[in-house]
Amino acid sequence: METAIRIKSNELTPDFLKKIKALFSKEEELEISISPVSDFGLNKKESREEYVNRVNLAIRNLDKQTDTISLSDSEFENLTNDLLAAK
């Protein structure tokens, strides 16, 4: 079993660790990797009005084909591979 869990640092509690331990056998070896995550501001608090304005702007940009990019499947695959390799 492999999983990625994204939590806030204040949610990392002894109870959380107990729940993770319960998912695996006592003899199973685990690998844990911890790194900070950037959400690029996607999880910031915003009012309903700010949200609607942001969505409407995105729709207008799509309609006008501004501030958009287009990638073929292979271009997207290459880009993601390059970004992952850069980590």
C-alpha atoms as a PDB file:
ATOM      1  CA  MET A   1       0.000   0.000   0.000  1.00  0.00           C
ATOM      2  CA  GLU A   2       1.283   3.463  -0.850  1.00  0.00           C
ATOM      3  CA  THR A   3      -0.379   6.727   0.002  1.00  0.00           C
ATOM      4  CA  ALA A   4       0.380  10.427   0.198  1.00  0.00           C
ATOM      5  CA  ILE A   5      -1.182  12.408   3.007  1.00  0.00           C
ATOM      6  CA  ARG A   6      -1.220  16.186   3.054  1.00  0.00           C
ATOM      7  CA  ILE A   7      -1.851  17.688   6.481  1.00  0.00           C
ATOM      8  CA  LYS A   8      -1.077  20.853   8.370  1.00  0.00           C
ATOM      9  CA  SER A   9       1.755  20.633  10.894  1.00  0.00           C
ATOM     10  CA  ASN A  10      -0.638  21.280  13.794  1.00  0.00           C
ATOM     11  CA  GLU A  11      -2.613  18.167  12.739  1.00  0.00           C
ATOM     12  CA  LEU A  12       0.414  15.902  13.252  1.00  0.00           C
ATOM     13  CA  THR A  13      -0.516  14.471  16.631  1.00  0.00           C
ATOM     14  CA  PRO A  14       0.213  11.254  18.536  1.00  0.00           C
ATOM     15  CA  ASP A  15      -3.332  10.129  17.731  1.00  0.00           C
ATOM     16  CA  PHE A  16      -2.678  10.623  14.017  1.00  0.00           C
ATOM     17  CA  LEU A  17       0.485   8.508  14.250  1.00  0.00           C
ATOM     18  CA  LYS A  18      -1.442   5.764  16.072  1.00  0.00           C
ATOM     19  CA  LYS A  19      -3.932   5.669  13.198  1.00  0.00           C
ATOM     20  CA  ILE A  20      -1.130   5.328  10.654  1.00  0.00           C
ATOM     21  CA  LYS A  21       0.464   2.520  12.691  1.00  0.00           C
ATOM     22  CA  ALA A  22      -2.882   0.699  12.766  1.00  0.00           C
ATOM     23  CA  LEU A  23      -2.878   0.515   8.963  1.00  0.00           C
ATOM     24  CA  PHE A  24       0.284  -1.612   8.873  1.00  0.00           C
ATOM     25  CA  SER A  25       1.523  -4.788  10.513  1.00  0.00           C
ATOM     26  CA  LYS A  26       3.844  -4.386  13.498  1.00  0.00           C
ATOM     27  CA  GLU A  27       6.807  -5.834  11.608  1.00  0.00           C
ATOM     28  CA  GLU A  28       6.306  -3.878   8.392  1.00  0.00           C
ATOM     29  CA  GLU A  29       9.003  -1.338   7.544  1.00  0.00           C
ATOM     30  CA  LEU A  30       7.719   2.093   6.519  1.00  0.00           C
ATOM     31  CA  GLU A  31       9.283   4.994   4.686  1.00  0.00           C
ATOM     32  CA  ILE A  32       8.149   8.442   5.741  1.00  0.00           C
ATOM     33  CA  SER A  33       9.091  11.532   3.779  1.00  0.00           C
ATOM     34  CA  ILE A  34       8.172  14.971   5.081  1.00  0.00           C
ATOM     35  CA  SER A  35       8.442  18.217   3.144  1.00  0.00           C
ATOM     36  CA  PRO A  36       6.723  21.576   3.140  1.00  0.00           C
ATOM     37  CA  VAL A  37       4.073  22.011   0.478  1.00  0.00           C
ATOM     38  CA  SER A  38       3.346  25.119  -1.515  1.00  0.00           C
ATOM     39  CA  ASP A  39      -0.263  25.499  -2.525  1.00  0.00           C
ATOM     40  CA  PHE A  40       0.448  28.624  -4.581  1.00  0.00           C
ATOM     41  CA  GLY A  41      -2.196  30.456  -2.551  1.00  0.00           C
ATOM     42  CA  LEU A  42      -4.942  28.056  -3.592  1.00  0.00           C
ATOM     43  CA  ASN A  43      -6.011  27.379  -0.005  1.00  0.00           C
ATOM     44  CA  LYS A  44      -6.126  30.976   1.135  1.00  0.00           C
ATOM     45  CA  LYS A  45      -9.343  32.165   2.684  1.00  0.00           C
ATOM     46  CA  GLU A  46     -11.457  34.175   0.291  1.00  0.00           C
ATOM     47  CA  SER A  47     -14.936  35.589   0.463  1.00  0.00           C
ATOM     48  CA  ARG A  48     -17.694  34.350  -1.784  1.00  0.00           C
ATOM     49  CA  GLU A  49     -17.366  37.559  -3.813  1.00  0.00           C
ATOM     50  CA  GLU A  50     -13.607  37.066  -4.271  1.00  0.00           C
ATOM     51  CA  TYR A  51     -14.193  33.459  -5.319  1.00  0.00           C
ATOM     52  CA  VAL A  52     -16.861  34.398  -7.875  1.00  0.00           C
ATOM     53  CA  ASN A  53     -14.635  37.181  -9.255  1.00  0.00           C
ATOM     54  CA  ARG A  54     -11.690  34.771  -9.597  1.00  0.00           C
ATOM     55  CA  VAL A  55     -13.813  32.155 -11.393  1.00  0.00           C
ATOM     56  CA  ASN A  56     -15.382  34.759 -13.694  1.00  0.00           C
ATOM     57  CA  LEU A  57     -11.934  36.124 -14.577  1.00  0.00           C
ATOM     58  CA  ALA A  58     -10.761  32.605 -15.424  1.00  0.00           C
ATOM     59  CA  ILE A  59     -13.821  32.097 -17.657  1.00  0.00           C
ATOM     60  CA  ARG A  60     -13.229  35.429 -19.426  1.00  0.00           C
ATOM     61  CA  ASN A  61      -9.579  34.495 -19.971  1.00  0.00           C
ATOM     62  CA  LEU A  62     -10.610  31.179 -21.497  1.00  0.00           C
ATOM     63  CA  ASP A  63     -13.152  32.870 -23.739  1.00  0.00           C
ATOM     64  CA  LYS A  64     -10.549  35.403 -24.939  1.00  0.00           C
ATOM     65  CA  GLN A  65      -7.798  32.776 -24.957  1.00  0.00           C
ATOM     66  CA  THR A  66      -5.572  34.996 -22.800  1.00  0.00           C
ATOM     67  CA  ASP A  67      -3.457  33.840 -19.876  1.00  0.00           C
ATOM     68  CA  THR A  68      -3.882  30.246 -21.005  1.00  0.00           C
ATOM     69  CA  ILE A  69      -1.507  27.560 -22.249  1.00  0.00           C
ATOM     70  CA  SER A  70      -2.080  24.546 -24.459  1.00  0.00           C
ATOM     71  CA  LEU A  71       0.005  21.398 -24.315  1.00  0.00           C
ATOM     72  CA  SER A  72      -0.142  18.164 -26.243  1.00  0.00           C
ATOM     73  CA  ASP A  73      -0.149  14.950 -24.222  1.00  0.00           C
ATOM     74  CA  SER A  74       3.556  14.416 -24.850  1.00  0.00           C
ATOM     75  CA  GLU A  75       4.423  18.045 -24.014  1.00  0.00           C
ATOM     76  CA  PHE A  76       2.533  17.728 -20.729  1.00  0.00           C
ATOM     77  CA  GLU A  77       4.258  14.435 -19.943  1.00  0.00           C
ATOM     78  CA  ASN A  78       7.692  15.940 -20.650  1.00  0.00           C
ATOM     79  CA  LEU A  79       6.941  19.018 -18.562  1.00  0.00           C
ATOM     80  CA  THR A  80       5.788  16.991 -15.549  1.00  0.00           C
ATOM     81  CA  ASN A  81       8.801  14.684 -15.825  1.00  0.00           C
ATOM     82  CA  ASP A  82      11.138  17.708 -15.926  1.00  0.00           C
ATOM     83  CA  LEU A  83       9.420  19.297 -12.915  1.00  0.00           C
ATOM     84  CA  LEU A  84       9.595  16.057 -10.929  1.00  0.00           C
ATOM     85  CA  ALA A  85      13.254  15.554 -11.829  1.00  0.00           C
ATOM     86  CA  ALA A  86      14.069  19.093 -10.664  1.00  0.00           C
ATOM     87  CA  LYS A  87      12.883  18.321  -7.114  1.00  0.00           C
END
